[in-house]
Amino acid sequence: MKIKLPNMDHETVANEIGDFIVKTILEFNMTGGVMGLSGGVDSTTVAAITKKAFDKHNKDNDIKLELVGYILPSKANSPKDAEDGIKVAEKLGIRYETQEIEPIISAYKQSNPEAVEVPYHKGNIMARIRANILSTKSATEKKTLIGTGNKDEDFGVGYYTLFGDGAVHLSPIGNLSKRLVRQMAAHLGFPEIAKRVATAGLEPDQTDLSDLGYSYKTVELVMLGLEQGLNFQELIKNEQIVQEIKPNLKPVGKFDDVEQTIKDILERHRIALGKMRIIHPPAPEITLNYE
């Protein structure tokens, strides 16, 4: 059975997401939105859609909405991350602020020295620090905290920190796979960022591919396969999935075979569903076409 992949009309979906953002903010009686700008494809796409929607709203309404981007680098980030975040903010014409979080990370050595020395825990601390800054800015500016997680990361394999980057008021691209987010970024005028290697920016030289052991296209195919009725045996034999997984098996990647890879995806998905029972920000309904 061939797994059907969704496609979209970019303008239609951008408008659906933008309308959802504006409607949610007005319902909350907020003055706009705040968000983290990492220079990556997800935050860039959300920022571009949000700014476009705010401009459309502000043109015809007395109550104006403002988008503010916060660039929050640490030593784990490449300098290019912050540079790209600034370029995105300036291209979109939004207010932005850069704040180094390294001094805050260092402060955690007083209370949690054992955690700061472990890369995994330190990465989660960094995500929660950023979330704390953003949620506080959201409160003091009376703005909604806009999330930047995509469907594969957040709802597929739960590749986020529960009370970190997952702690947002809404999830505008929560129903877009990474593949579709890249398409949308290119459509919105950011073709170079659309090609960027995905990284959480929590460890030096870390990439999502090296961390997970498989591509987001693999996650998308497995999740769609489940939605379209495939069982485990059918998933591990599916030619689309097999061809996507094979290039990233050992010695290149971390898994021995297709079966081991899919088992990891399914286990991560089980955990993701548990996370969603704790925090599940709303995502807009969007129009996708399957072929």
Protein backbone atom coordinates (compact mmCIF):
# COMPACT_ATOMS: atom_id res chain seq x y z
CA MET A 1 0.00 0.00 0.00
CA LYS A 2 1.33 3.41 -0.97
CA ILE A 3 1.22 5.99 1.83
CA LYS A 4 -0.55 9.14 0.65
CA LEU A 5 1.37 12.34 1.36
CA PRO A 6 -0.46 15.65 1.87
CA ASN A 7 0.14 18.72 -0.28
CA MET A 8 -1.29 22.19 0.10
CA ASP A 9 -2.08 25.47 -1.56
CA HIS A 10 0.40 27.67 0.27
CA GLU A 11 -1.65 30.86 0.28
CA THR A 12 -4.80 29.09 1.46
CA VAL A 13 -3.03 27.43 4.36
CA ALA A 14 -1.07 30.57 5.29
CA ASN A 15 -4.34 32.48 5.48
CA GLU A 16 -6.01 29.73 7.53
CA ILE A 17 -3.15 29.75 10.03
CA GLY A 18 -3.00 33.56 10.10
CA ASP A 19 -6.75 33.88 10.71
CA PHE A 20 -6.49 31.33 13.53
CA ILE A 21 -3.69 33.31 15.19
CA VAL A 22 -5.56 36.61 15.01
CA LYS A 23 -8.84 35.09 16.20
CA THR A 24 -7.14 33.42 19.17
CA ILE A 25 -5.34 36.61 20.21
CA LEU A 26 -8.51 38.69 20.01
CA GLU A 27 -10.40 36.10 22.06
CA PHE A 28 -7.68 36.36 24.73
CA ASN A 29 -7.97 40.17 24.55
CA MET A 30 -4.23 40.48 24.00
CA THR A 31 -2.21 43.16 22.22
CA GLY A 32 -0.39 40.78 19.86
CA GLY A 33 2.09 37.95 20.15
CA VAL A 34 5.59 37.15 21.39
CA MET A 35 7.71 34.29 20.11
CA GLY A 36 11.22 32.93 20.11
CA LEU A 37 13.20 33.54 16.92
CA SER A 38 15.93 30.93 16.49
CA GLY A 39 16.75 31.61 12.84
CA GLY A 40 15.37 28.17 11.98
CA VAL A 41 12.67 27.23 9.52
CA ASP A 42 9.86 26.71 12.06
CA SER A 43 10.12 30.04 13.89
CA THR A 44 10.74 31.89 10.62
CA THR A 45 7.61 30.41 9.05
CA VAL A 46 5.46 31.21 12.08
CA ALA A 47 6.82 34.76 12.26
CA ALA A 48 6.20 35.40 8.56
CA ILE A 49 2.62 34.07 8.68
CA THR A 50 1.86 35.97 11.89
CA LYS A 51 3.25 39.29 10.63
CA LYS A 52 1.28 38.95 7.41
CA ALA A 53 -1.92 38.22 9.35
CA PHE A 54 -1.32 41.15 11.75
CA ASP A 55 -0.73 43.54 8.85
CA LYS A 56 -3.99 42.42 7.26
CA HIS A 57 -5.86 42.87 10.54
CA ASN A 58 -4.26 46.23 11.38
CA LYS A 59 -5.18 47.67 8.00
CA ASP A 60 -8.90 47.55 8.74
CA ASN A 61 -9.10 47.72 12.55
CA ASP A 62 -8.48 50.34 15.21
CA ILE A 63 -7.15 47.73 17.63
CA LYS A 64 -3.62 47.04 16.37
CA LEU A 65 -1.72 43.81 16.93
CA GLU A 66 2.06 43.67 17.30
CA LEU A 67 4.48 40.76 16.92
CA VAL A 68 7.69 40.78 18.99
CA GLY A 69 10.54 38.31 18.44
CA TYR A 70 13.01 37.28 21.13
CA ILE A 71 16.40 35.88 20.13
CA LEU A 72 17.80 33.91 23.08
CA PRO A 73 21.21 32.41 22.23
CA SER A 74 23.57 30.40 24.40
CA LYS A 75 27.08 29.04 23.95
CA ALA A 76 25.53 25.93 22.38
CA ASN A 77 24.26 27.99 19.47
CA SER A 78 26.22 28.87 16.39
CA PRO A 79 26.57 32.67 16.05
CA LYS A 80 24.78 32.27 12.72
CA ASP A 81 21.58 31.26 14.55
CA ALA A 82 21.24 34.67 16.20
CA GLU A 83 22.34 36.42 13.02
CA ASP A 84 19.65 34.64 11.03
CA GLY A 85 17.05 35.41 13.70
CA ILE A 86 17.91 39.11 13.47
CA LYS A 87 17.79 39.01 9.66
CA VAL A 88 14.32 37.44 9.79
CA ALA A 89 13.06 40.07 12.25
CA GLU A 90 14.46 42.92 10.19
CA LYS A 91 13.15 41.54 6.92
CA LEU A 92 9.66 41.21 8.42
CA GLY A 93 9.92 44.61 10.11
CA ILE A 94 9.07 43.42 13.62
CA ARG A 95 10.38 44.59 16.97
CA TYR A 96 12.96 42.23 18.38
CA GLU A 97 15.30 41.81 21.31
CA THR A 98 18.41 39.67 21.80
CA GLN A 99 19.19 38.28 25.25
CA GLU A 100 22.03 35.89 26.09
CA ILE A 101 20.84 33.13 28.40
CA GLU A 102 24.30 31.82 29.40
CA PRO A 103 24.36 33.78 32.72
CA ILE A 104 21.02 32.20 33.67
CA ILE A 105 22.32 28.73 32.79
CA SER A 106 25.36 29.37 34.98
CA ALA A 107 23.09 30.31 37.89
CA TYR A 108 21.60 26.81 37.76
CA LYS A 109 24.98 25.43 38.83
CA GLN A 110 24.14 26.68 42.32
CA SER A 111 20.94 24.65 42.66
CA ASN A 112 21.32 21.85 40.09
CA PRO A 113 25.04 21.26 39.43
CA GLU A 114 24.43 17.58 38.61
CA ALA A 115 21.97 18.51 35.85
CA VAL A 116 24.08 21.24 34.23
CA GLU A 117 26.92 18.74 33.72
CA VAL A 118 24.71 16.33 31.72
CA PRO A 119 24.05 17.54 28.14
CA TYR A 120 20.52 16.08 28.00
CA HIS A 121 19.39 17.77 31.23
CA LYS A 122 21.27 20.97 30.43
CA GLY A 123 19.44 21.13 27.10
CA ASN A 124 16.09 20.85 28.84
CA ILE A 125 17.10 23.52 31.35
CA MET A 126 17.93 25.84 28.45
CA ALA A 127 14.54 25.19 26.85
CA ARG A 128 12.78 25.95 30.13
CA ILE A 129 14.83 29.13 30.63
CA ARG A 130 13.76 30.35 27.20
CA ALA A 131 10.15 29.43 27.97
CA ASN A 132 10.31 31.33 31.25
CA ILE A 133 11.64 34.45 29.52
CA LEU A 134 9.02 34.24 26.77
CA SER A 135 6.09 33.57 29.09
CA THR A 136 7.14 36.48 31.32
CA LYS A 137 7.46 38.78 28.29
CA SER A 138 4.03 37.53 27.22
CA ALA A 139 2.59 38.53 30.60
CA THR A 140 4.29 41.91 30.90
CA GLU A 141 3.47 42.90 27.32
CA LYS A 142 -0.04 41.42 27.50
CA LYS A 143 0.67 39.33 24.43
CA THR A 144 0.01 35.74 23.47
CA LEU A 145 2.95 33.32 23.49
CA ILE A 146 3.03 31.81 19.99
CA GLY A 147 4.54 28.35 19.58
CA THR A 148 6.75 27.19 16.73
CA GLY A 149 6.53 23.39 16.93
CA ASN A 150 5.62 21.40 13.82
CA LYS A 151 3.52 18.23 13.56
CA ASP A 152 6.42 15.78 13.24
CA GLU A 153 8.31 17.15 16.24
CA ASP A 154 5.48 17.91 18.63
CA PHE A 155 2.77 15.41 17.82
CA GLY A 156 4.81 12.74 16.06
CA VAL A 157 7.81 11.99 18.28
CA GLY A 158 7.42 14.58 21.05
CA TYR A 159 10.82 16.12 20.32
CA TYR A 160 10.42 19.10 22.64
CA THR A 161 10.74 19.98 26.32
CA LEU A 162 7.39 19.66 28.08
CA PHE A 163 7.58 22.84 30.17
CA GLY A 164 10.03 24.45 27.76
CA ASP A 165 9.30 25.04 24.09
CA GLY A 166 6.04 23.12 24.54
CA ALA A 167 4.69 25.69 27.02
CA VAL A 168 2.86 28.01 24.61
CA HIS A 169 -0.66 29.39 24.13
CA LEU A 170 -1.15 28.16 20.57
CA SER A 171 0.58 26.01 17.97
CA PRO A 172 0.12 27.63 14.54
CA ILE A 173 2.05 25.03 12.51
CA GLY A 174 1.06 22.08 14.67
CA ASN A 175 -0.71 20.46 11.71
CA LEU A 176 2.13 20.98 9.23
CA SER A 177 4.86 18.37 8.79
CA LYS A 178 8.47 19.55 8.61
CA ARG A 179 8.36 18.89 4.87
CA LEU A 180 5.40 21.25 4.45
CA VAL A 181 6.91 23.85 6.78
CA ARG A 182 9.97 23.98 4.53
CA GLN A 183 7.72 24.46 1.51
CA MET A 184 5.85 27.24 3.29
CA ALA A 185 9.07 29.02 4.31
CA ALA A 186 10.27 29.05 0.71
CA HIS A 187 6.88 30.32 -0.46
CA LEU A 188 6.98 33.16 2.09
CA GLY A 189 10.36 34.39 0.84
CA PHE A 190 12.89 32.47 2.94
CA PRO A 191 14.28 29.82 0.55
CA GLU A 192 17.71 29.62 2.21
CA ILE A 193 16.29 29.12 5.68
CA ALA A 194 13.95 26.48 4.22
CA LYS A 195 17.07 24.42 3.43
CA ARG A 196 18.68 24.75 6.86
CA VAL A 197 19.65 21.60 8.74
CA ALA A 198 17.21 21.12 11.64
CA THR A 199 18.71 21.56 15.12
CA ALA A 200 17.25 22.13 18.56
CA GLY A 201 20.21 24.38 19.40
CA LEU A 202 20.63 22.77 22.82
CA GLU A 203 24.06 21.19 22.30
CA PRO A 204 27.07 22.29 20.19
CA ASP A 205 27.01 20.81 16.67
CA GLN A 206 23.79 18.90 17.46
CA THR A 207 21.33 18.12 14.67
CA ASP A 208 17.87 16.61 14.95
CA LEU A 209 18.87 13.86 12.52
CA SER A 210 21.88 12.79 14.60
CA ASP A 211 19.87 13.01 17.80
CA LEU A 212 16.81 11.09 16.61
CA GLY A 213 18.58 8.79 14.19
CA TYR A 214 16.12 9.33 11.34
CA SER A 215 14.68 12.14 9.23
CA TYR A 216 11.45 14.01 9.80
CA LYS A 217 10.27 12.62 6.46
CA THR A 218 10.53 9.18 8.08
CA VAL A 219 8.43 10.37 11.03
CA GLU A 220 5.85 11.82 8.67
CA LEU A 221 5.61 8.58 6.67
CA VAL A 222 5.25 6.40 9.77
CA MET A 223 2.60 8.67 11.31
CA LEU A 224 0.67 8.83 8.03
CA GLY A 225 1.00 5.07 7.66
CA LEU A 226 -0.63 4.62 11.07
CA GLU A 227 -3.38 7.11 10.19
CA GLN A 228 -4.01 5.25 6.93
CA GLY A 229 -4.38 1.89 8.66
CA LEU A 230 -0.98 0.19 8.34
CA ASN A 231 0.06 -2.18 11.12
CA PHE A 232 3.63 -2.66 12.38
CA GLN A 233 4.51 -5.44 9.94
CA GLU A 234 3.20 -3.37 7.05
CA LEU A 235 5.16 -0.33 8.22
CA ILE A 236 8.52 -2.13 8.31
CA LYS A 237 7.94 -3.53 4.82
CA ASN A 238 6.60 -0.34 3.25
CA GLU A 239 8.92 0.66 0.40
CA GLN A 240 8.55 4.43 0.96
CA ILE A 241 9.54 4.08 4.61
CA VAL A 242 12.35 1.60 3.92
CA GLN A 243 13.92 3.85 1.28
CA GLU A 244 13.80 6.84 3.62
CA ILE A 245 15.34 4.96 6.56
CA LYS A 246 18.13 3.01 4.83
CA PRO A 247 20.56 5.92 4.21
CA ASN A 248 20.56 6.75 7.93
CA LEU A 249 21.22 3.28 9.34
CA LYS A 250 24.55 2.30 10.94
CA PRO A 251 27.36 3.13 10.44
CA VAL A 252 25.94 6.52 9.39
CA GLY A 253 23.22 6.61 12.04
CA LYS A 254 22.36 4.99 15.37
CA PHE A 255 20.01 2.13 14.41
CA ASP A 256 20.83 -1.30 12.96
CA ASP A 257 17.77 -1.84 10.78
CA VAL A 258 14.35 -0.60 9.68
CA GLU A 259 12.49 -2.49 12.39
CA GLN A 260 14.58 -0.97 15.19
CA THR A 261 14.08 2.51 13.73
CA ILE A 262 10.30 2.20 13.53
CA LYS A 263 10.12 0.77 17.05
CA ASP A 264 11.91 3.90 18.31
CA ILE A 265 9.52 6.19 16.42
CA LEU A 266 6.49 4.36 17.83
CA GLU A 267 7.89 4.48 21.37
CA ARG A 268 8.57 8.21 21.04
CA HIS A 269 5.05 8.66 19.68
CA ARG A 270 3.63 6.86 22.72
CA ILE A 271 5.51 9.32 24.95
CA ALA A 272 4.36 12.25 22.78
CA LEU A 273 0.73 11.26 23.36
CA GLY A 274 1.43 11.29 27.10
CA LYS A 275 2.93 14.77 26.86
CA MET A 276 -0.14 15.93 24.96
CA ARG A 277 -2.35 14.87 27.86
CA ILE A 278 -0.47 17.36 30.02
CA ILE A 279 -0.04 20.28 27.60
CA HIS A 280 -1.80 20.43 24.25
CA PRO A 281 -1.94 23.95 22.77
CA PRO A 282 -4.56 24.36 20.04
CA ALA A 283 -3.55 24.15 16.37
CA PRO A 284 -5.59 25.44 13.42
CA GLU A 285 -7.56 23.28 11.04
CA ILE A 286 -5.93 23.52 7.62
CA THR A 287 -6.78 22.37 4.11
CA LEU A 288 -4.51 19.56 2.90
CA ASN A 289 -4.82 17.52 -0.27
CA TYR A 290 -3.70 13.88 -0.33
CA GLU A 291 -2.27 12.06 -3.33
